[in-house]
Amino acid sequence: MKLDMMKKQSIPDTLEEIGVFKGREAASTMSDIGLLILRLAVGGLLAGHGSQKLFGWFSGPGLKGVAAWLESMGLKPGTPWATAASVSEFGGGVLTTLGFLHPLGPLGTMGAMIMATAKAHWGKPIWVTEGGAELPVTNMATALALTLTGPGRFSLDYVLGIRLPRALVIAGAIVEAIMLAIGIMSRPTPPPAPPVEDQATTTAAAGQGTGAS
């Protein structure tokens, strides 16, 4: 009699455990789908944006145009900086989209967005309509969230069983931080002052013009 009662009690307990397990599995699957959507949207768009700079795709400026733009902000020589910035955006976007070699993709994204915020958008209102850092900040927040959560099960890392050594990730983050510090501290070269003779000529011409009037 007691044995039968124990069996009856164990059956509901087992069903409850199965229900809890299925609920957790469903929640985990939904979380992984959410991470996949986030990676595809943010990583895909960032990869396209980087391809404009790196290859000149989608009517982009290409490396030459980006190099000239970066040199105007004090990042000289422009070509290496343009290459690093373009690779960070394109490579970071591709790795994030695929969920491959995590967290190198999100780290590359954050590096590119930090540089963009500091060099191109700093001192402006936050909104993108006013030239502010609204979009880079959004990308940074997304990349940081993916860094903390991981790419999820629908990723190449999960399929291939890849997990980067922590030492390698830390080393990559340190190198990126050093490059960011150098880039942020770089300032545009002020235009050369005109020679004394030119200044005197300009002043004399201005005086003559005032007297003639």
C-alpha atoms as a PDB file:
ATOM      1  CA  MET A   1       0.000   0.000   0.000  1.00  0.00           C
ATOM      2  CA  LYS A   2       2.724   2.425   0.980  1.00  0.00           C
ATOM      3  CA  LEU A   3       4.688   1.458  -2.121  1.00  0.00           C
ATOM      4  CA  ASP A   4       1.736   2.275  -4.352  1.00  0.00           C
ATOM      5  CA  MET A   5       1.314   5.673  -2.690  1.00  0.00           C
ATOM      6  CA  MET A   6       4.993   6.442  -3.144  1.00  0.00           C
ATOM      7  CA  LYS A   7       4.733   5.540  -6.842  1.00  0.00           C
ATOM      8  CA  LYS A   8       1.689   7.795  -7.275  1.00  0.00           C
ATOM      9  CA  GLN A   9       3.545  10.661  -5.613  1.00  0.00           C
ATOM     10  CA  SER A  10       6.653  10.155  -7.739  1.00  0.00           C
ATOM     11  CA  ILE A  11       4.714  10.312 -11.021  1.00  0.00           C
ATOM     12  CA  PRO A  12       3.479  13.925 -10.533  1.00  0.00           C
ATOM     13  CA  ASP A  13       6.925  14.938  -9.354  1.00  0.00           C
ATOM     14  CA  THR A  14       8.449  13.501 -12.522  1.00  0.00           C
ATOM     15  CA  LEU A  15       5.876  15.225 -14.724  1.00  0.00           C
ATOM     16  CA  GLU A  16       6.550  18.495 -12.952  1.00  0.00           C
ATOM     17  CA  GLU A  17      10.276  18.140 -13.481  1.00  0.00           C
ATOM     18  CA  ILE A  18       9.698  17.380 -17.165  1.00  0.00           C
ATOM     19  CA  GLY A  19       7.478  20.442 -17.463  1.00  0.00           C
ATOM     20  CA  VAL A  20      10.061  22.668 -15.790  1.00  0.00           C
ATOM     21  CA  PHE A  21      12.801  21.286 -18.020  1.00  0.00           C
ATOM     22  CA  LYS A  22      10.760  21.876 -21.181  1.00  0.00           C
ATOM     23  CA  GLY A  23       9.926  25.391 -20.022  1.00  0.00           C
ATOM     24  CA  ARG A  24      13.571  26.204 -19.439  1.00  0.00           C
ATOM     25  CA  GLU A  25      14.553  24.682 -22.779  1.00  0.00           C
ATOM     26  CA  ALA A  26      11.903  26.743 -24.579  1.00  0.00           C
ATOM     27  CA  ALA A  27      13.054  29.916 -22.822  1.00  0.00           C
ATOM     28  CA  SER A  28      16.669  29.157 -23.715  1.00  0.00           C
ATOM     29  CA  THR A  29      15.724  28.591 -27.362  1.00  0.00           C
ATOM     30  CA  MET A  30      13.861  31.895 -27.482  1.00  0.00           C
ATOM     31  CA  SER A  31      16.882  33.657 -25.963  1.00  0.00           C
ATOM     32  CA  ASP A  32      19.151  32.118 -28.590  1.00  0.00           C
ATOM     33  CA  ILE A  33      16.777  33.222 -31.357  1.00  0.00           C
ATOM     34  CA  GLY A  34      16.795  36.733 -29.900  1.00  0.00           C
ATOM     35  CA  LEU A  35      20.606  36.778 -29.890  1.00  0.00           C
ATOM     36  CA  LEU A  36      20.633  35.545 -33.487  1.00  0.00           C
ATOM     37  CA  ILE A  37      18.301  38.345 -34.615  1.00  0.00           C
ATOM     38  CA  LEU A  38      20.429  40.895 -32.774  1.00  0.00           C
ATOM     39  CA  ARG A  39      23.637  39.580 -34.323  1.00  0.00           C
ATOM     40  CA  LEU A  40      22.217  39.483 -37.836  1.00  0.00           C
ATOM     41  CA  ALA A  41      20.835  43.020 -37.670  1.00  0.00           C
ATOM     42  CA  VAL A  42      23.675  44.844 -35.950  1.00  0.00           C
ATOM     43  CA  GLY A  43      26.536  42.734 -37.282  1.00  0.00           C
ATOM     44  CA  GLY A  44      25.187  42.682 -40.829  1.00  0.00           C
ATOM     45  CA  LEU A  45      24.666  46.434 -41.011  1.00  0.00           C
ATOM     46  CA  LEU A  46      28.062  47.123 -39.479  1.00  0.00           C
ATOM     47  CA  ALA A  47      29.745  44.781 -41.956  1.00  0.00           C
ATOM     48  CA  GLY A  48      28.055  46.642 -44.806  1.00  0.00           C
ATOM     49  CA  HIS A  49      29.124  49.976 -43.351  1.00  0.00           C
ATOM     50  CA  GLY A  50      32.707  48.742 -43.040  1.00  0.00           C
ATOM     51  CA  SER A  51      32.667  47.465 -46.628  1.00  0.00           C
ATOM     52  CA  GLN A  52      31.908  51.008 -47.794  1.00  0.00           C
ATOM     53  CA  LYS A  53      35.185  52.114 -46.266  1.00  0.00           C
ATOM     54  CA  LEU A  54      37.269  49.037 -46.982  1.00  0.00           C
ATOM     55  CA  PHE A  55      36.167  48.187 -50.543  1.00  0.00           C
ATOM     56  CA  GLY A  56      34.153  51.218 -51.643  1.00  0.00           C
ATOM     57  CA  TRP A  57      30.994  49.074 -51.883  1.00  0.00           C
ATOM     58  CA  PHE A  58      27.488  50.573 -51.623  1.00  0.00           C
ATOM     59  CA  SER A  59      28.728  53.940 -52.963  1.00  0.00           C
ATOM     60  CA  GLY A  60      31.289  54.151 -50.154  1.00  0.00           C
ATOM     61  CA  PRO A  61      34.419  56.330 -50.152  1.00  0.00           C
ATOM     62  CA  GLY A  62      36.910  53.447 -50.136  1.00  0.00           C
ATOM     63  CA  LEU A  63      40.228  53.459 -48.307  1.00  0.00           C
ATOM     64  CA  LYS A  64      41.566  56.569 -50.072  1.00  0.00           C
ATOM     65  CA  GLY A  65      38.591  58.669 -49.115  1.00  0.00           C
ATOM     66  CA  VAL A  66      38.611  57.406 -45.532  1.00  0.00           C
ATOM     67  CA  ALA A  67      42.363  57.979 -45.251  1.00  0.00           C
ATOM     68  CA  ALA A  68      42.035  61.612 -46.314  1.00  0.00           C
ATOM     69  CA  TRP A  69      39.156  62.120 -43.884  1.00  0.00           C
ATOM     70  CA  LEU A  70      41.081  60.579 -40.980  1.00  0.00           C
ATOM     71  CA  GLU A  71      44.191  62.638 -41.733  1.00  0.00           C
ATOM     72  CA  SER A  72      42.072  65.785 -41.439  1.00  0.00           C
ATOM     73  CA  MET A  73      41.334  64.684 -37.853  1.00  0.00           C
ATOM     74  CA  GLY A  74      45.006  64.148 -37.003  1.00  0.00           C
ATOM     75  CA  LEU A  75      45.245  60.401 -37.638  1.00  0.00           C
ATOM     76  CA  LYS A  76      48.427  60.243 -39.710  1.00  0.00           C
ATOM     77  CA  PRO A  77      49.444  58.468 -41.817  1.00  0.00           C
ATOM     78  CA  GLY A  78      45.858  58.071 -42.934  1.00  0.00           C
ATOM     79  CA  THR A  79      46.086  54.779 -44.826  1.00  0.00           C
ATOM     80  CA  PRO A  80      47.037  52.533 -41.863  1.00  0.00           C
ATOM     81  CA  TRP A  81      44.397  54.182 -39.673  1.00  0.00           C
ATOM     82  CA  ALA A  82      41.808  53.855 -42.434  1.00  0.00           C
ATOM     83  CA  THR A  83      42.673  50.188 -42.855  1.00  0.00           C
ATOM     84  CA  ALA A  84      42.435  49.534 -39.110  1.00  0.00           C
ATOM     85  CA  ALA A  85      39.105  51.355 -38.807  1.00  0.00           C
ATOM     86  CA  SER A  86      37.619  49.645 -41.854  1.00  0.00           C
ATOM     87  CA  VAL A  87      38.774  46.183 -40.800  1.00  0.00           C
ATOM     88  CA  SER A  88      37.395  46.745 -37.289  1.00  0.00           C
ATOM     89  CA  GLU A  89      33.970  47.613 -38.665  1.00  0.00           C
ATOM     90  CA  PHE A  90      33.838  45.048 -41.464  1.00  0.00           C
ATOM     91  CA  GLY A  91      35.571  42.239 -39.588  1.00  0.00           C
ATOM     92  CA  GLY A  92      33.760  42.972 -36.344  1.00  0.00           C
ATOM     93  CA  GLY A  93      30.435  42.961 -38.181  1.00  0.00           C
ATOM     94  CA  VAL A  94      31.141  39.693 -40.002  1.00  0.00           C
ATOM     95  CA  LEU A  95      32.366  37.882 -36.884  1.00  0.00           C
ATOM     96  CA  THR A  96      29.397  39.166 -34.890  1.00  0.00           C
ATOM     97  CA  THR A  97      26.934  38.087 -37.576  1.00  0.00           C
ATOM     98  CA  LEU A  98      28.387  34.582 -37.750  1.00  0.00           C
ATOM     99  CA  GLY A  99      28.942  34.244 -34.017  1.00  0.00           C
ATOM    100  CA  PHE A 100      32.515  33.226 -34.778  1.00  0.00           C
ATOM    101  CA  LEU A 101      35.598  33.658 -32.558  1.00  0.00           C
ATOM    102  CA  HIS A 102      33.539  35.383 -29.881  1.00  0.00           C
ATOM    103  CA  PRO A 103      34.098  37.982 -28.415  1.00  0.00           C
ATOM    104  CA  LEU A 104      36.501  39.371 -31.041  1.00  0.00           C
ATOM    105  CA  GLY A 105      33.614  40.588 -33.197  1.00  0.00           C
ATOM    106  CA  PRO A 106      31.868  42.654 -30.491  1.00  0.00           C
ATOM    107  CA  LEU A 107      35.238  43.943 -29.231  1.00  0.00           C
ATOM    108  CA  GLY A 108      36.151  45.147 -32.722  1.00  0.00           C
ATOM    109  CA  THR A 109      32.748  46.791 -33.000  1.00  0.00           C
ATOM    110  CA  MET A 110      33.176  48.610 -29.697  1.00  0.00           C
ATOM    111  CA  GLY A 111      36.638  49.826 -30.675  1.00  0.00           C
ATOM    112  CA  ALA A 112      35.413  51.255 -33.966  1.00  0.00           C
ATOM    113  CA  MET A 113      32.413  52.914 -32.322  1.00  0.00           C
ATOM    114  CA  ILE A 114      34.482  54.425 -29.504  1.00  0.00           C
ATOM    115  CA  MET A 115      36.844  55.956 -32.047  1.00  0.00           C
ATOM    116  CA  ALA A 116      33.941  57.267 -34.132  1.00  0.00           C
ATOM    117  CA  THR A 117      32.338  58.812 -31.058  1.00  0.00           C
ATOM    118  CA  ALA A 118      35.543  60.480 -29.877  1.00  0.00           C
ATOM    119  CA  LYS A 119      36.796  61.751 -33.249  1.00  0.00           C
ATOM    120  CA  ALA A 120      33.705  62.424 -35.346  1.00  0.00           C
ATOM    121  CA  HIS A 121      30.786  63.019 -32.981  1.00  0.00           C
ATOM    122  CA  TRP A 122      32.275  64.421 -29.765  1.00  0.00           C
ATOM    123  CA  GLY A 123      30.940  67.786 -28.633  1.00  0.00           C
ATOM    124  CA  LYS A 124      27.746  67.508 -30.684  1.00  0.00           C
ATOM    125  CA  PRO A 125      24.217  66.802 -29.429  1.00  0.00           C
ATOM    126  CA  ILE A 126      23.600  63.073 -29.035  1.00  0.00           C
ATOM    127  CA  TRP A 127      20.984  62.771 -31.792  1.00  0.00           C
ATOM    128  CA  VAL A 128      22.028  61.494 -35.208  1.00  0.00           C
ATOM    129  CA  THR A 129      20.007  64.246 -36.902  1.00  0.00           C
ATOM    130  CA  GLU A 130      22.436  66.752 -35.388  1.00  0.00           C
ATOM    131  CA  GLY A 131      25.585  64.801 -36.185  1.00  0.00           C
ATOM    132  CA  GLY A 132      25.745  63.176 -32.755  1.00  0.00           C
ATOM    133  CA  ALA A 133      26.797  59.734 -31.531  1.00  0.00           C
ATOM    134  CA  GLU A 134      23.330  58.192 -31.237  1.00  0.00           C
ATOM    135  CA  LEU A 135      24.104  55.310 -33.627  1.00  0.00           C
ATOM    136  CA  PRO A 136      27.650  54.528 -32.360  1.00  0.00           C
ATOM    137  CA  VAL A 137      26.380  54.478 -28.771  1.00  0.00           C
ATOM    138  CA  THR A 138      23.589  52.076 -29.757  1.00  0.00           C
ATOM    139  CA  ASN A 139      26.104  49.814 -31.516  1.00  0.00           C
ATOM    140  CA  MET A 140      28.419  49.936 -28.492  1.00  0.00           C
ATOM    141  CA  ALA A 141      25.615  48.949 -26.127  1.00  0.00           C
ATOM    142  CA  THR A 142      24.632  46.059 -28.387  1.00  0.00           C
ATOM    143  CA  ALA A 143      28.228  44.863 -28.736  1.00  0.00           C
ATOM    144  CA  LEU A 144      28.746  45.026 -24.968  1.00  0.00           C
ATOM    145  CA  ALA A 145      25.543  43.046 -24.375  1.00  0.00           C
ATOM    146  CA  LEU A 146      26.687  40.361 -26.832  1.00  0.00           C
ATOM    147  CA  THR A 147      30.119  40.275 -25.198  1.00  0.00           C
ATOM    148  CA  LEU A 148      28.531  39.566 -21.828  1.00  0.00           C
ATOM    149  CA  THR A 149      25.894  37.067 -22.995  1.00  0.00           C
ATOM    150  CA  GLY A 150      27.748  35.225 -25.735  1.00  0.00           C
ATOM    151  CA  PRO A 151      26.534  34.557 -29.300  1.00  0.00           C
ATOM    152  CA  GLY A 152      24.057  31.818 -28.353  1.00  0.00           C
ATOM    153  CA  ARG A 153      23.552  28.349 -29.765  1.00  0.00           C
ATOM    154  CA  PHE A 154      22.816  29.520 -33.309  1.00  0.00           C
ATOM    155  CA  SER A 155      26.433  30.459 -33.948  1.00  0.00           C
ATOM    156  CA  LEU A 156      29.525  28.976 -35.566  1.00  0.00           C
ATOM    157  CA  ASP A 157      31.307  28.895 -32.223  1.00  0.00           C
ATOM    158  CA  TYR A 158      28.603  26.639 -30.768  1.00  0.00           C
ATOM    159  CA  VAL A 159      28.445  24.414 -33.857  1.00  0.00           C
ATOM    160  CA  LEU A 160      32.232  24.025 -34.081  1.00  0.00           C
ATOM    161  CA  GLY A 161      32.805  23.927 -30.322  1.00  0.00           C
ATOM    162  CA  ILE A 162      35.143  26.924 -30.375  1.00  0.00           C
ATOM    163  CA  ARG A 163      36.030  28.808 -27.213  1.00  0.00           C
ATOM    164  CA  LEU A 164      38.872  31.307 -27.383  1.00  0.00           C
ATOM    165  CA  PRO A 165      41.420  31.257 -24.543  1.00  0.00           C
ATOM    166  CA  ARG A 166      40.832  34.039 -22.050  1.00  0.00           C
ATOM    167  CA  ALA A 167      44.469  35.151 -22.316  1.00  0.00           C
ATOM    168  CA  LEU A 168      44.067  35.701 -26.057  1.00  0.00           C
ATOM    169  CA  VAL A 169      40.909  37.757 -25.545  1.00  0.00           C
ATOM    170  CA  ILE A 170      42.589  39.893 -22.875  1.00  0.00           C
ATOM    171  CA  ALA A 171      45.641  40.450 -25.088  1.00  0.00           C
ATOM    172  CA  GLY A 172      43.436  41.535 -27.983  1.00  0.00           C
ATOM    173  CA  ALA A 173      41.509  43.921 -25.736  1.00  0.00           C
ATOM    174  CA  ILE A 174      44.754  45.483 -24.465  1.00  0.00           C
ATOM    175  CA  VAL A 175      46.089  46.031 -27.999  1.00  0.00           C
ATOM    176  CA  GLU A 176      42.802  47.613 -29.022  1.00  0.00           C
ATOM    177  CA  ALA A 177      42.802  49.871 -25.949  1.00  0.00           C
ATOM    178  CA  ILE A 178      46.328  51.089 -26.754  1.00  0.00           C
ATOM    179  CA  MET A 179      45.390  51.887 -30.349  1.00  0.00           C
ATOM    180  CA  LEU A 180      42.282  53.715 -29.177  1.00  0.00           C
ATOM    181  CA  ALA A 181      44.308  55.801 -26.733  1.00  0.00           C
ATOM    182  CA  ILE A 182      46.801  56.769 -29.450  1.00  0.00           C
ATOM    183  CA  GLY A 183      44.038  57.607 -31.899  1.00  0.00           C
ATOM    184  CA  ILE A 184      41.952  59.645 -29.462  1.00  0.00           C
ATOM    185  CA  MET A 185      44.958  61.689 -28.328  1.00  0.00           C
ATOM    186  CA  SER A 186      45.936  62.523 -31.923  1.00  0.00           C
ATOM    187  CA  ARG A 187      45.069  66.071 -32.904  1.00  0.00           C
ATOM    188  CA  PRO A 188      44.880  67.720 -36.347  1.00  0.00           C
ATOM    189  CA  THR A 189      48.000  69.597 -37.400  1.00  0.00           C
ATOM    190  CA  PRO A 190      47.266  73.334 -37.325  1.00  0.00           C
ATOM    191  CA  PRO A 191      47.725  75.131 -40.652  1.00  0.00           C
ATOM    192  CA  PRO A 192      51.124  76.815 -40.999  1.00  0.00           C
ATOM    193  CA  ALA A 193      51.258  80.524 -40.195  1.00  0.00           C
ATOM    194  CA  PRO A 194      51.833  82.733 -43.247  1.00  0.00           C
ATOM    195  CA  PRO A 195      55.322  84.219 -43.610  1.00  0.00           C
ATOM    196  CA  VAL A 196      55.994  87.667 -42.190  1.00  0.00           C
ATOM    197  CA  GLU A 197      56.304  89.121 -45.696  1.00  0.00           C
ATOM    198  CA  ASP A 198      52.868  87.812 -46.651  1.00  0.00           C
ATOM    199  CA  GLN A 199      51.377  89.220 -43.471  1.00  0.00           C
ATOM    200  CA  ALA A 200      52.897  92.640 -44.201  1.00  0.00           C
ATOM    201  CA  THR A 201      51.650  92.557 -47.797  1.00  0.00           C
ATOM    202  CA  THR A 202      48.158  91.567 -46.661  1.00  0.00           C
ATOM    203  CA  THR A 203      48.112  94.341 -44.041  1.00  0.00           C
ATOM    204  CA  ALA A 204      49.302  96.955 -46.556  1.00  0.00           C
ATOM    205  CA  ALA A 205      46.738  95.860 -49.116  1.00  0.00           C
ATOM    206  CA  ALA A 206      44.013  96.063 -46.500  1.00  0.00           C
ATOM    207  CA  GLY A 207      45.154  99.589 -45.574  1.00  0.00           C
ATOM    208  CA  GLN A 208      45.157 100.731 -49.175  1.00  0.00           C
ATOM    209  CA  GLY A 209      41.730  99.327 -49.697  1.00  0.00           C
ATOM    210  CA  THR A 210      40.423 101.174 -46.645  1.00  0.00           C
ATOM    211  CA  GLY A 211      41.993 104.454 -47.807  1.00  0.00           C
ATOM    212  CA  ALA A 212      40.553 104.081 -51.313  1.00  0.00           C
ATOM    213  CA  SER A 213      37.104 103.605 -49.931  1.00  0.00           C
END
